[in-house]
Amino acid sequence: MIKSKTKLAEACGVSRATVDDWLNHDEWDFGRGPWPDDIAAKVKRWRDEVLAPNPALNPGQPRAGRDPQLAILKQRAETELAVQRAGFTKTKRKLLEDALVDRAEFETRIKELNAKLTLHLISYFPTECVRAEEERFRQLGRPLTTLEKQDIIRTKVEEALRALSGE
């Protein structure tokens, strides 16, 4: 006589949790125990006929007593789903790659923006930044040209931008 779920699990070669699941199954007809000693063979036969097989033990095999055509259709559907998921993943990856910014393009754009900022600041930058240079050029006997003033301001702005960017 098998008097416990643990002993039934040992006789059937499964875990105690599996036996607990069997006892709660709607088609379990063997009672809550105790069970006769020959119950293990009957339970195994019930398991094979009623319950889904362990896919790790026999992958891709149809269950006993089931329509093999149904198993084939199910396998095809699962394969098609896997192919669709792979396509979705590939499309998603492509979209993400397109969303990412090309580093060279980004650096070019930053340089363009720095140049525009420099030109903007040159036109509005206070003349204090060129006064010291104007004084030095006056002592040499000639005034600064507009181009020289722009170069001085551009240099000051670029120094400020480098300081801000941490270069």
C-alpha atoms as a PDB file:
ATOM      1  CA  MET A   1       0.000   0.000   0.000  1.00  0.00           C
ATOM      2  CA  ILE A   2       1.288   3.477  -0.969  1.00  0.00           C
ATOM      3  CA  LYS A   3       0.228   5.740   1.885  1.00  0.00           C
ATOM      4  CA  SER A   4       1.706   9.157   0.986  1.00  0.00           C
ATOM      5  CA  LYS A   5       2.077  11.510  -1.934  1.00  0.00           C
ATOM      6  CA  THR A   6       5.846  11.338  -1.549  1.00  0.00           C
ATOM      7  CA  LYS A   7       5.822   7.538  -1.934  1.00  0.00           C
ATOM      8  CA  LEU A   8       3.521   7.813  -4.972  1.00  0.00           C
ATOM      9  CA  ALA A   9       5.903  10.371  -6.498  1.00  0.00           C
ATOM     10  CA  GLU A  10       8.839   7.989  -5.940  1.00  0.00           C
ATOM     11  CA  ALA A  11       6.919   5.073  -7.472  1.00  0.00           C
ATOM     12  CA  CYS A  12       6.043   7.157 -10.561  1.00  0.00           C
ATOM     13  CA  GLY A  13       9.475   8.784 -10.856  1.00  0.00           C
ATOM     14  CA  VAL A  14       8.199  12.364 -10.485  1.00  0.00           C
ATOM     15  CA  SER A  15       8.331  15.109  -7.875  1.00  0.00           C
ATOM     16  CA  ARG A  16       5.911  15.488  -5.008  1.00  0.00           C
ATOM     17  CA  ALA A  17       4.713  18.791  -6.534  1.00  0.00           C
ATOM     18  CA  THR A  18       3.785  16.898  -9.698  1.00  0.00           C
ATOM     19  CA  VAL A  19       1.688  14.448  -7.688  1.00  0.00           C
ATOM     20  CA  ASP A  20      -0.019  17.426  -5.987  1.00  0.00           C
ATOM     21  CA  ASP A  21      -0.882  18.797  -9.438  1.00  0.00           C
ATOM     22  CA  TRP A  22      -2.228  15.401 -10.518  1.00  0.00           C
ATOM     23  CA  LEU A  23      -4.460  15.138  -7.440  1.00  0.00           C
ATOM     24  CA  ASN A  24      -6.035  18.502  -8.330  1.00  0.00           C
ATOM     25  CA  HIS A  25      -6.560  17.582 -11.995  1.00  0.00           C
ATOM     26  CA  ASP A  26     -10.190  17.238 -13.120  1.00  0.00           C
ATOM     27  CA  GLU A  27      -9.549  13.837 -14.714  1.00  0.00           C
ATOM     28  CA  TRP A  28      -7.704  12.292 -11.732  1.00  0.00           C
ATOM     29  CA  ASP A  29      -9.719   9.171 -10.847  1.00  0.00           C
ATOM     30  CA  PHE A  30      -7.435   7.467  -8.322  1.00  0.00           C
ATOM     31  CA  GLY A  31      -8.594   9.180  -5.134  1.00  0.00           C
ATOM     32  CA  ARG A  32      -6.581  11.027  -2.487  1.00  0.00           C
ATOM     33  CA  GLY A  33      -4.816   7.914  -1.175  1.00  0.00           C
ATOM     34  CA  PRO A  34      -3.783   5.495   0.145  1.00  0.00           C
ATOM     35  CA  TRP A  35      -3.212   3.665  -3.148  1.00  0.00           C
ATOM     36  CA  PRO A  36      -2.547   0.024  -4.007  1.00  0.00           C
ATOM     37  CA  ASP A  37       1.055  -0.975  -4.797  1.00  0.00           C
ATOM     38  CA  ASP A  38       0.277  -1.469  -8.502  1.00  0.00           C
ATOM     39  CA  ILE A  39      -1.092   2.097  -8.908  1.00  0.00           C
ATOM     40  CA  ALA A  40       2.163   3.466 -10.414  1.00  0.00           C
ATOM     41  CA  ALA A  41       1.633   1.704 -13.766  1.00  0.00           C
ATOM     42  CA  LYS A  42      -1.973   2.903 -13.958  1.00  0.00           C
ATOM     43  CA  VAL A  43      -0.964   6.473 -13.077  1.00  0.00           C
ATOM     44  CA  LYS A  44       1.779   6.468 -15.714  1.00  0.00           C
ATOM     45  CA  ARG A  45      -0.673   5.234 -18.335  1.00  0.00           C
ATOM     46  CA  TRP A  46      -3.164   7.963 -17.241  1.00  0.00           C
ATOM     47  CA  ARG A  47      -0.406  10.576 -17.459  1.00  0.00           C
ATOM     48  CA  ASP A  48       0.533   9.496 -21.006  1.00  0.00           C
ATOM     49  CA  GLU A  49      -3.064   9.496 -22.211  1.00  0.00           C
ATOM     50  CA  VAL A  50      -4.429  12.589 -20.466  1.00  0.00           C
ATOM     51  CA  LEU A  51      -1.587  14.983 -19.759  1.00  0.00           C
ATOM     52  CA  ALA A  52       0.668  16.820 -22.203  1.00  0.00           C
ATOM     53  CA  PRO A  53       4.082  15.186 -22.622  1.00  0.00           C
ATOM     54  CA  ASN A  54       7.237  16.711 -21.253  1.00  0.00           C
ATOM     55  CA  PRO A  55       8.602  18.613 -24.285  1.00  0.00           C
ATOM     56  CA  ALA A  56      12.141  18.283 -22.954  1.00  0.00           C
ATOM     57  CA  LEU A  57      11.923  14.492 -23.241  1.00  0.00           C
ATOM     58  CA  ASN A  58      10.325  14.235 -26.699  1.00  0.00           C
ATOM     59  CA  PRO A  59      10.381  17.553 -28.577  1.00  0.00           C
ATOM     60  CA  GLY A  60       8.177  17.823 -31.614  1.00  0.00           C
ATOM     61  CA  GLN A  61       6.397  14.522 -30.985  1.00  0.00           C
ATOM     62  CA  PRO A  62       2.585  14.439 -30.953  1.00  0.00           C
ATOM     63  CA  ARG A  63       0.917  13.174 -27.786  1.00  0.00           C
ATOM     64  CA  ALA A  64      -0.389   9.625 -27.726  1.00  0.00           C
ATOM     65  CA  GLY A  65      -3.979   9.405 -28.894  1.00  0.00           C
ATOM     66  CA  ARG A  66      -3.879  12.823 -30.562  1.00  0.00           C
ATOM     67  CA  ASP A  67      -4.267  13.733 -34.219  1.00  0.00           C
ATOM     68  CA  PRO A  68      -0.784  13.936 -35.815  1.00  0.00           C
ATOM     69  CA  GLN A  69      -2.106  16.434 -38.395  1.00  0.00           C
ATOM     70  CA  LEU A  70      -3.021  18.773 -35.546  1.00  0.00           C
ATOM     71  CA  ALA A  71       0.513  18.487 -34.204  1.00  0.00           C
ATOM     72  CA  ILE A  72       1.920  19.308 -37.648  1.00  0.00           C
ATOM     73  CA  LEU A  73      -0.355  22.349 -37.997  1.00  0.00           C
ATOM     74  CA  LYS A  74       0.624  23.514 -34.541  1.00  0.00           C
ATOM     75  CA  GLN A  75       4.312  23.102 -35.370  1.00  0.00           C
ATOM     76  CA  ARG A  76       3.873  25.105 -38.607  1.00  0.00           C
ATOM     77  CA  ALA A  77       2.039  27.861 -36.743  1.00  0.00           C
ATOM     78  CA  GLU A  78       4.795  28.011 -34.119  1.00  0.00           C
ATOM     79  CA  THR A  79       7.443  28.153 -36.844  1.00  0.00           C
ATOM     80  CA  GLU A  80       5.594  30.942 -38.657  1.00  0.00           C
ATOM     81  CA  LEU A  81       5.259  32.844 -35.401  1.00  0.00           C
ATOM     82  CA  ALA A  82       8.997  32.464 -34.752  1.00  0.00           C
ATOM     83  CA  VAL A  83       9.767  33.763 -38.259  1.00  0.00           C
ATOM     84  CA  GLN A  84       7.444  36.736 -37.750  1.00  0.00           C
ATOM     85  CA  ARG A  85       9.042  37.514 -34.390  1.00  0.00           C
ATOM     86  CA  ALA A  86      12.494  37.358 -35.965  1.00  0.00           C
ATOM     87  CA  GLY A  87      11.350  39.757 -38.692  1.00  0.00           C
ATOM     88  CA  PHE A  88       9.876  42.080 -36.098  1.00  0.00           C
ATOM     89  CA  THR A  89      13.113  42.011 -34.117  1.00  0.00           C
ATOM     90  CA  LYS A  90      15.123  42.768 -37.266  1.00  0.00           C
ATOM     91  CA  THR A  91      12.802  45.662 -38.163  1.00  0.00           C
ATOM     92  CA  LYS A  92      12.933  47.008 -34.620  1.00  0.00           C
ATOM     93  CA  ARG A  93      16.737  46.837 -34.614  1.00  0.00           C
ATOM     94  CA  LYS A  94      16.850  48.694 -37.962  1.00  0.00           C
ATOM     95  CA  LEU A  95      14.523  51.396 -36.632  1.00  0.00           C
ATOM     96  CA  LEU A  96      16.711  51.819 -33.565  1.00  0.00           C
ATOM     97  CA  GLU A  97      19.846  52.016 -35.697  1.00  0.00           C
ATOM     98  CA  ASP A  98      18.227  54.678 -37.874  1.00  0.00           C
ATOM     99  CA  ALA A  99      17.218  56.580 -34.750  1.00  0.00           C
ATOM    100  CA  LEU A 100      20.811  56.687 -33.550  1.00  0.00           C
ATOM    101  CA  VAL A 101      22.908  59.641 -34.635  1.00  0.00           C
ATOM    102  CA  ASP A 102      25.959  59.162 -36.801  1.00  0.00           C
ATOM    103  CA  ARG A 103      28.908  60.465 -34.765  1.00  0.00           C
ATOM    104  CA  ALA A 104      30.667  62.123 -37.718  1.00  0.00           C
ATOM    105  CA  GLU A 105      27.437  63.826 -38.752  1.00  0.00           C
ATOM    106  CA  PHE A 106      26.886  64.958 -35.157  1.00  0.00           C
ATOM    107  CA  GLU A 107      30.399  66.406 -34.879  1.00  0.00           C
ATOM    108  CA  THR A 108      29.998  68.199 -38.231  1.00  0.00           C
ATOM    109  CA  ARG A 109      26.712  69.684 -37.027  1.00  0.00           C
ATOM    110  CA  ILE A 110      28.331  70.845 -33.769  1.00  0.00           C
ATOM    111  CA  LYS A 111      31.136  72.534 -35.730  1.00  0.00           C
ATOM    112  CA  GLU A 112      28.557  74.279 -37.920  1.00  0.00           C
ATOM    113  CA  LEU A 113      26.668  75.485 -34.858  1.00  0.00           C
ATOM    114  CA  ASN A 114      29.896  76.694 -33.232  1.00  0.00           C
ATOM    115  CA  ALA A 115      30.761  78.619 -36.400  1.00  0.00           C
ATOM    116  CA  LYS A 116      27.310  80.222 -36.482  1.00  0.00           C
ATOM    117  CA  LEU A 117      27.561  81.093 -32.796  1.00  0.00           C
ATOM    118  CA  THR A 118      30.997  82.578 -33.346  1.00  0.00           C
ATOM    119  CA  LEU A 119      29.738  84.739 -36.222  1.00  0.00           C
ATOM    120  CA  HIS A 120      26.748  85.792 -34.160  1.00  0.00           C
ATOM    121  CA  LEU A 121      28.922  86.743 -31.211  1.00  0.00           C
ATOM    122  CA  ILE A 122      31.406  88.575 -33.450  1.00  0.00           C
ATOM    123  CA  SER A 123      28.667  90.843 -34.667  1.00  0.00           C
ATOM    124  CA  TYR A 124      27.319  91.540 -31.171  1.00  0.00           C
ATOM    125  CA  PHE A 125      30.331  90.979 -28.928  1.00  0.00           C
ATOM    126  CA  PRO A 126      31.340  94.044 -26.897  1.00  0.00           C
ATOM    127  CA  THR A 127      34.421  95.856 -28.102  1.00  0.00           C
ATOM    128  CA  GLU A 128      36.125  95.429 -24.708  1.00  0.00           C
ATOM    129  CA  CYS A 129      37.753  92.194 -25.854  1.00  0.00           C
ATOM    130  CA  VAL A 130      39.623  94.016 -28.651  1.00  0.00           C
ATOM    131  CA  ARG A 131      40.512  97.195 -26.760  1.00  0.00           C
ATOM    132  CA  ALA A 132      43.776  95.791 -25.405  1.00  0.00           C
ATOM    133  CA  GLU A 133      44.798  94.665 -28.883  1.00  0.00           C
ATOM    134  CA  GLU A 134      43.793  98.019 -30.399  1.00  0.00           C
ATOM    135  CA  GLU A 135      45.990  99.777 -27.860  1.00  0.00           C
ATOM    136  CA  ARG A 136      48.951  97.551 -28.731  1.00  0.00           C
ATOM    137  CA  PHE A 137      48.453  98.188 -32.459  1.00  0.00           C
ATOM    138  CA  ARG A 138      48.146 101.974 -31.869  1.00  0.00           C
ATOM    139  CA  GLN A 139      51.521 101.889 -30.164  1.00  0.00           C
ATOM    140  CA  LEU A 140      52.859 100.211 -33.295  1.00  0.00           C
ATOM    141  CA  GLY A 141      51.408 103.056 -35.342  1.00  0.00           C
ATOM    142  CA  ARG A 142      48.521 101.430 -37.127  1.00  0.00           C
ATOM    143  CA  PRO A 143      44.886 100.716 -36.262  1.00  0.00           C
ATOM    144  CA  LEU A 144      43.293  97.264 -36.265  1.00  0.00           C
ATOM    145  CA  THR A 145      41.385  96.330 -39.391  1.00  0.00           C
ATOM    146  CA  THR A 146      37.871  94.908 -39.169  1.00  0.00           C
ATOM    147  CA  LEU A 147      39.207  91.509 -40.207  1.00  0.00           C
ATOM    148  CA  GLU A 148      41.812  91.567 -37.430  1.00  0.00           C
ATOM    149  CA  LYS A 149      39.125  92.533 -34.900  1.00  0.00           C
ATOM    150  CA  GLN A 150      36.977  89.622 -36.073  1.00  0.00           C
ATOM    151  CA  ASP A 151      39.953  87.250 -35.724  1.00  0.00           C
ATOM    152  CA  ILE A 152      40.587  88.451 -32.163  1.00  0.00           C
ATOM    153  CA  ILE A 153      36.926  88.012 -31.219  1.00  0.00           C
ATOM    154  CA  ARG A 154      36.774  84.615 -32.969  1.00  0.00           C
ATOM    155  CA  THR A 155      39.840  83.464 -30.994  1.00  0.00           C
ATOM    156  CA  LYS A 156      38.291  84.654 -27.714  1.00  0.00           C
ATOM    157  CA  VAL A 157      34.974  82.960 -28.524  1.00  0.00           C
ATOM    158  CA  GLU A 158      36.719  79.712 -29.495  1.00  0.00           C
ATOM    159  CA  GLU A 159      38.695  79.818 -26.230  1.00  0.00           C
ATOM    160  CA  ALA A 160      35.439  80.298 -24.341  1.00  0.00           C
ATOM    161  CA  LEU A 161      33.767  77.418 -26.235  1.00  0.00           C
ATOM    162  CA  ARG A 162      36.735  75.127 -25.555  1.00  0.00           C
ATOM    163  CA  ALA A 163      36.625  76.058 -21.888  1.00  0.00           C
ATOM    164  CA  LEU A 164      32.909  75.308 -21.773  1.00  0.00           C
ATOM    165  CA  SER A 165      33.256  71.994 -23.584  1.00  0.00           C
ATOM    166  CA  GLY A 166      36.101  70.874 -21.317  1.00  0.00           C
ATOM    167  CA  GLU A 167      38.724  70.463 -24.070  1.00  0.00           C
END
